[in-house]
Amino acid sequence: MSHKFSLRKHASGLLLSTAILAYGCSPAPKEGEKTNKDSAATATVSATPDTTLKEEKAEDFFLSLPSPIHIAHLFKRAGLKYIDGLGSDPNNVSKYQSEFSSSLNTGVYTTDLAYATFNNKSQVSISYFKAVRTLGEKLNMASIFDKNGLLPRFEKNLNNQDSLVSIMSDMYMESDLLLKETSRRDVVYLSFAGAWVESMYVATSLVSKEKNPVLVKRIVHQHLTLNKLIKLLEDYKDRPQVADLIAQLNEVKVTLDSLNANKDNIDEATFKKFSEQVKQIRGKIIATV
């Protein structure tokens, strides 16, 4: 007889936490500075006539995705506890040399950064922030960190979680904007893929240790995000490494869709299968050089 997670009574709260984060993670622009929306609008106006409908649809799709910080916040509100050593080792950052591995693991480390920050692990957070910056340099995004003094600001505000979340949000939004303006959407999508996989890995690792129906609900709800992510990555399926990643994510999608179809009465065996699939993909991502 299969065991079930009872979830029906835990269906509320997602919209509230989403609204809180959407407001709280949007720092007010400084006087005289353009907001990201202003910059994006300028970029749109100045775009060449070659801008395709396909690119516009991709942009709409990506804008509908939650940030890694958003996902970490939702999971934290659902009861995600901190497990020492669960995140990817920041000391391994030097081994990621290719654009593919650097992009994926930027996402992994961004999730681990958010996970540590939301749990007030200051020194761990600094290590992950430095790892993200190192990979940012490899991806030609050092200017994001240098011009905004993000690392000094982060170190200065270690005892202020709201400020740290704001700084992380600045980093994520500025990086995203730069990559889009320089036509490097593949890096954006791969980074998000790494972040999504790491988020699922962290969350399912906790569920395997202790039952948490609310967290399970949040995990299963991620099927929509995964579907959108796969569609975005398919623009680059002519690249062997991306095609392999898509194939792996599609396997996860089948299992996650099955869980969502029975979301009020989750089968533990199916959830365990999903957890193992996530663990395998995550293992490949952090091992890719």
Protein backbone atom coordinates (compact mmCIF):
# COMPACT_ATOMS: atom_id res chain seq x y z
CA MET A 1 0.00 0.00 0.00
CA SER A 2 1.44 3.35 -0.98
CA HIS A 3 1.70 6.15 1.57
CA LYS A 4 0.27 9.59 0.94
CA PHE A 5 1.01 13.15 1.96
CA SER A 6 -2.22 14.88 3.02
CA LEU A 7 -2.12 18.33 1.43
CA ARG A 8 -5.66 19.57 0.91
CA LYS A 9 -5.79 21.51 4.18
CA HIS A 10 -2.53 23.32 3.40
CA ALA A 11 -3.64 24.94 0.14
CA SER A 12 -3.62 28.57 1.31
CA GLY A 13 -0.81 31.10 1.67
CA LEU A 14 1.02 30.92 -1.65
CA LEU A 15 -0.46 34.09 -3.12
CA LEU A 16 0.22 36.02 0.07
CA SER A 17 3.87 35.04 0.27
CA THR A 18 4.30 35.75 -3.44
CA ALA A 19 2.89 39.23 -3.00
CA ILE A 20 5.11 39.91 0.01
CA LEU A 21 8.25 38.94 -1.86
CA ALA A 22 7.30 40.72 -5.07
CA TYR A 23 7.03 43.93 -3.05
CA GLY A 24 9.89 43.34 -0.62
CA CYS A 25 12.49 42.36 -3.22
CA SER A 26 12.00 45.41 -5.41
CA PRO A 27 14.38 48.07 -4.05
CA ALA A 28 13.45 51.69 -4.65
CA PRO A 29 15.62 53.40 -7.29
CA LYS A 30 18.06 56.03 -6.11
CA GLU A 31 17.44 59.60 -7.14
CA GLY A 32 18.63 60.22 -10.67
CA GLU A 33 19.02 56.52 -11.48
CA LYS A 34 16.95 54.67 -14.06
CA THR A 35 14.96 51.73 -12.87
CA ASN A 36 15.30 48.34 -14.51
CA LYS A 37 11.95 48.93 -16.18
CA ASP A 38 13.19 52.23 -17.60
CA SER A 39 16.33 50.57 -18.91
CA ALA A 40 14.39 47.67 -20.34
CA ALA A 41 12.02 50.07 -22.06
CA THR A 42 14.95 51.97 -23.56
CA ALA A 43 16.47 48.72 -24.77
CA THR A 44 13.15 47.76 -26.36
CA VAL A 45 12.79 51.08 -28.17
CA SER A 46 16.34 50.94 -29.51
CA ALA A 47 16.12 47.31 -30.57
CA THR A 48 16.92 46.54 -34.18
CA PRO A 49 14.18 45.63 -36.68
CA ASP A 50 15.56 42.07 -36.51
CA THR A 51 13.95 41.60 -33.10
CA THR A 52 11.69 38.63 -33.68
CA LEU A 53 8.32 37.63 -32.34
CA LYS A 54 10.06 34.56 -30.97
CA GLU A 55 12.34 36.73 -28.82
CA GLU A 56 9.39 38.75 -27.57
CA LYS A 57 7.53 35.61 -26.58
CA ALA A 58 10.65 34.33 -24.82
CA GLU A 59 10.88 37.60 -22.92
CA ASP A 60 7.25 37.33 -21.80
CA PHE A 61 7.85 33.74 -20.74
CA PHE A 62 10.95 34.61 -18.74
CA LEU A 63 9.31 37.55 -17.01
CA SER A 64 6.65 35.15 -15.73
CA LEU A 65 9.29 33.02 -13.99
CA PRO A 66 10.01 33.58 -10.29
CA SER A 67 13.56 34.57 -9.32
CA PRO A 68 15.70 32.10 -7.32
CA ILE A 69 15.33 34.50 -4.39
CA HIS A 70 11.56 34.34 -4.76
CA ILE A 71 11.58 30.53 -4.71
CA ALA A 72 13.89 30.42 -1.68
CA HIS A 73 11.57 32.80 0.16
CA LEU A 74 8.49 30.71 -0.63
CA PHE A 75 10.22 27.56 0.60
CA LYS A 76 11.44 29.32 3.74
CA ARG A 77 7.89 30.43 4.54
CA ALA A 78 6.76 26.85 4.00
CA GLY A 79 9.10 25.68 6.76
CA LEU A 80 12.34 24.97 4.91
CA LYS A 81 15.02 24.61 7.60
CA TYR A 82 18.74 25.05 7.16
CA ILE A 83 20.90 21.95 6.84
CA ASP A 84 24.63 22.56 7.17
CA GLY A 85 26.66 21.41 4.19
CA LEU A 86 23.65 20.82 1.95
CA GLY A 87 24.50 23.56 -0.55
CA SER A 88 27.12 23.17 -3.26
CA ASP A 89 30.68 23.71 -2.00
CA PRO A 90 31.69 27.32 -2.82
CA ASN A 91 35.34 26.24 -2.82
CA ASN A 92 34.68 24.35 -6.05
CA VAL A 93 33.98 27.57 -7.94
CA SER A 94 37.40 27.57 -9.62
CA LYS A 95 36.70 24.33 -11.49
CA TYR A 96 33.86 25.81 -13.53
CA GLN A 97 35.61 27.06 -16.65
CA SER A 98 33.18 26.71 -19.54
CA GLU A 99 30.33 29.14 -20.14
CA PHE A 100 27.88 26.25 -19.82
CA SER A 101 29.09 25.14 -16.38
CA SER A 102 29.63 28.71 -15.16
CA SER A 103 26.07 29.64 -16.15
CA LEU A 104 24.46 26.64 -14.49
CA ASN A 105 26.49 26.93 -11.31
CA THR A 106 25.90 30.67 -11.03
CA GLY A 107 22.28 29.66 -10.58
CA VAL A 108 23.18 26.93 -8.10
CA TYR A 109 25.24 29.31 -5.97
CA THR A 110 22.58 32.03 -6.18
CA THR A 111 20.04 29.63 -4.69
CA ASP A 112 22.50 28.58 -1.98
CA LEU A 113 23.19 32.24 -1.26
CA ALA A 114 19.48 32.93 -0.80
CA TYR A 115 19.04 29.77 1.29
CA ALA A 116 21.86 30.80 3.64
CA THR A 117 20.76 34.44 3.81
CA PHE A 118 17.14 33.66 4.67
CA ASN A 119 18.46 31.46 7.50
CA ASN A 120 20.83 34.13 8.87
CA LYS A 121 24.00 32.19 8.03
CA SER A 122 26.13 35.31 7.52
CA GLN A 123 29.56 33.81 6.90
CA VAL A 124 28.17 31.10 4.63
CA SER A 125 26.30 33.79 2.72
CA ILE A 126 29.52 35.73 2.11
CA SER A 127 31.20 32.60 0.72
CA TYR A 128 28.36 32.07 -1.72
CA PHE A 129 28.23 35.73 -2.67
CA LYS A 130 31.93 35.60 -3.54
CA ALA A 131 31.37 32.41 -5.53
CA VAL A 132 28.61 34.09 -7.55
CA ARG A 133 30.88 37.06 -8.16
CA THR A 134 33.74 34.81 -9.33
CA LEU A 135 31.50 33.11 -11.87
CA GLY A 136 30.14 36.52 -12.82
CA GLU A 137 33.66 37.55 -13.79
CA LYS A 138 33.99 34.45 -15.98
CA LEU A 139 30.73 35.40 -17.66
CA ASN A 140 31.93 38.99 -18.21
CA MET A 141 29.57 40.42 -15.61
CA ALA A 142 32.12 41.78 -13.13
CA SER A 143 30.88 45.31 -13.78
CA ILE A 144 27.60 44.47 -12.06
CA PHE A 145 29.44 43.84 -8.80
CA ASP A 146 32.11 46.52 -9.15
CA LYS A 147 30.07 49.56 -10.12
CA ASN A 148 27.45 48.91 -7.44
CA GLY A 149 29.89 47.87 -4.70
CA LEU A 150 27.73 44.85 -3.99
CA LEU A 151 30.23 42.81 -1.97
CA PRO A 152 31.18 45.66 0.44
CA ARG A 153 27.48 46.46 0.84
CA PHE A 154 26.73 42.82 1.56
CA GLU A 155 29.50 42.52 4.15
CA LYS A 156 28.43 45.79 5.79
CA ASN A 157 24.83 44.64 6.24
CA LEU A 158 25.32 41.10 7.54
CA ASN A 159 23.04 41.75 10.50
CA ASN A 160 20.25 43.23 8.39
CA GLN A 161 18.42 40.52 6.47
CA ASP A 162 16.15 42.98 4.64
CA SER A 163 19.19 44.81 3.28
CA LEU A 164 20.85 41.55 2.25
CA VAL A 165 17.73 40.46 0.37
CA SER A 166 17.62 43.85 -1.36
CA ILE A 167 21.29 43.53 -2.37
CA MET A 168 20.72 40.01 -3.71
CA SER A 169 17.76 41.28 -5.69
CA ASP A 170 19.87 44.12 -7.12
CA MET A 171 22.51 41.60 -8.16
CA TYR A 172 20.00 39.29 -9.81
CA MET A 173 18.07 41.99 -11.65
CA GLU A 174 21.16 43.86 -12.87
CA SER A 175 22.78 40.64 -14.09
CA ASP A 176 19.60 39.59 -15.84
CA LEU A 177 19.29 42.98 -17.54
CA LEU A 178 22.92 43.04 -18.69
CA LEU A 179 22.72 39.56 -20.18
CA LYS A 180 19.52 40.36 -22.06
CA GLU A 181 20.89 43.65 -23.39
CA THR A 182 23.98 41.83 -24.67
CA SER A 183 21.88 39.09 -26.31
CA ARG A 184 23.03 36.35 -23.94
CA ARG A 185 19.69 34.91 -23.04
CA ASP A 186 21.17 31.42 -23.08
CA VAL A 187 23.25 32.33 -20.03
CA VAL A 188 20.14 33.70 -18.31
CA TYR A 189 18.14 30.54 -18.95
CA LEU A 190 20.95 28.17 -17.97
CA SER A 191 21.53 30.11 -14.77
CA PHE A 192 17.85 29.85 -13.93
CA ALA A 193 17.96 26.12 -14.69
CA GLY A 194 20.79 25.67 -12.20
CA ALA A 195 18.92 27.74 -9.63
CA TRP A 196 15.69 25.80 -10.10
CA VAL A 197 17.38 22.42 -9.79
CA GLU A 198 19.27 23.49 -6.66
CA SER A 199 16.05 24.84 -5.12
CA MET A 200 14.32 21.52 -5.71
CA TYR A 201 17.34 19.62 -4.37
CA VAL A 202 17.45 21.61 -1.13
CA ALA A 203 13.69 21.37 -0.59
CA THR A 204 13.38 17.65 -1.35
CA SER A 205 16.39 16.91 0.85
CA LEU A 206 14.55 18.38 3.83
CA VAL A 207 11.33 16.54 3.02
CA SER A 208 13.28 13.26 2.99
CA LYS A 209 14.36 13.99 6.58
CA GLU A 210 11.04 15.19 7.99
CA LYS A 211 7.48 15.31 6.70
CA ASN A 212 6.38 18.80 5.70
CA PRO A 213 3.10 18.82 3.71
CA VAL A 214 3.24 22.60 3.16
CA LEU A 215 6.72 22.38 1.64
CA VAL A 216 5.65 19.44 -0.52
CA LYS A 217 2.79 21.59 -1.80
CA ARG A 218 5.24 24.36 -2.77
CA ILE A 219 7.50 21.86 -4.53
CA VAL A 220 4.70 20.32 -6.57
CA HIS A 221 3.47 23.79 -7.56
CA GLN A 222 6.81 24.27 -9.33
CA HIS A 223 5.60 22.16 -12.28
CA LEU A 224 4.48 25.36 -14.03
CA THR A 225 7.91 26.94 -13.66
CA LEU A 226 9.61 23.81 -14.98
CA ASN A 227 7.36 23.71 -18.05
CA LYS A 228 8.23 27.31 -18.90
CA LEU A 229 11.94 26.75 -18.31
CA ILE A 230 12.05 23.80 -20.70
CA LYS A 231 10.33 25.83 -23.42
CA LEU A 232 12.93 28.59 -23.06
CA LEU A 233 15.84 26.16 -23.20
CA GLU A 234 14.47 24.57 -26.37
CA ASP A 235 15.65 27.63 -28.31
CA TYR A 236 19.16 26.25 -27.77
CA LYS A 237 18.51 22.53 -28.20
CA ASP A 238 20.93 22.42 -31.14
CA ARG A 239 23.72 22.49 -28.54
CA PRO A 240 24.47 18.96 -27.28
CA GLN A 241 24.90 19.92 -23.62
CA VAL A 242 21.66 21.90 -23.59
CA ALA A 243 19.82 19.10 -25.40
CA ASP A 244 21.01 16.65 -22.75
CA LEU A 245 19.87 19.00 -19.98
CA ILE A 246 16.44 19.36 -21.62
CA ALA A 247 16.11 15.57 -21.85
CA GLN A 248 16.85 15.22 -18.14
CA LEU A 249 14.43 18.00 -17.21
CA ASN A 250 11.72 16.41 -19.34
CA GLU A 251 12.06 13.22 -17.31
CA VAL A 252 11.60 15.27 -14.16
CA LYS A 253 8.65 17.03 -15.78
CA VAL A 254 6.79 13.76 -16.35
CA THR A 255 7.13 12.84 -12.69
CA LEU A 256 6.30 16.32 -11.42
CA ASP A 257 3.24 16.55 -13.66
CA SER A 258 2.09 13.23 -12.22
CA LEU A 259 2.50 14.59 -8.70
CA ASN A 260 0.56 17.71 -9.60
CA ALA A 261 -2.28 15.68 -11.09
CA ASN A 262 -2.72 14.12 -7.64
CA LYS A 263 -1.57 17.12 -5.61
CA ASP A 264 -4.16 16.68 -2.87
CA ASN A 265 -2.96 13.18 -2.10
CA ILE A 266 0.71 12.88 -3.02
CA ASP A 267 2.12 9.38 -3.45
CA GLU A 268 5.36 9.05 -1.47
CA ALA A 269 6.94 6.62 -3.93
CA THR A 270 6.39 9.05 -6.81
CA PHE A 271 7.72 11.94 -4.74
CA LYS A 272 10.80 9.90 -3.88
CA LYS A 273 11.33 9.21 -7.59
CA PHE A 274 11.13 12.94 -8.27
CA SER A 275 13.65 13.63 -5.50
CA GLU A 276 16.10 11.10 -6.94
CA GLN A 277 15.77 12.56 -10.44
CA VAL A 278 16.51 16.04 -9.09
CA LYS A 279 19.48 14.72 -7.14
CA GLN A 280 20.93 13.10 -10.26
CA ILE A 281 20.63 16.25 -12.39
CA ARG A 282 22.06 18.37 -9.61
CA GLY A 283 24.99 15.98 -9.29
CA LYS A 284 25.74 16.34 -12.99
CA ILE A 285 25.47 20.13 -12.86
CA ILE A 286 27.93 20.61 -10.00
CA ALA A 287 30.29 18.05 -11.58
CA THR A 288 30.29 19.76 -15.01
CA VAL A 289 33.46 21.70 -15.72
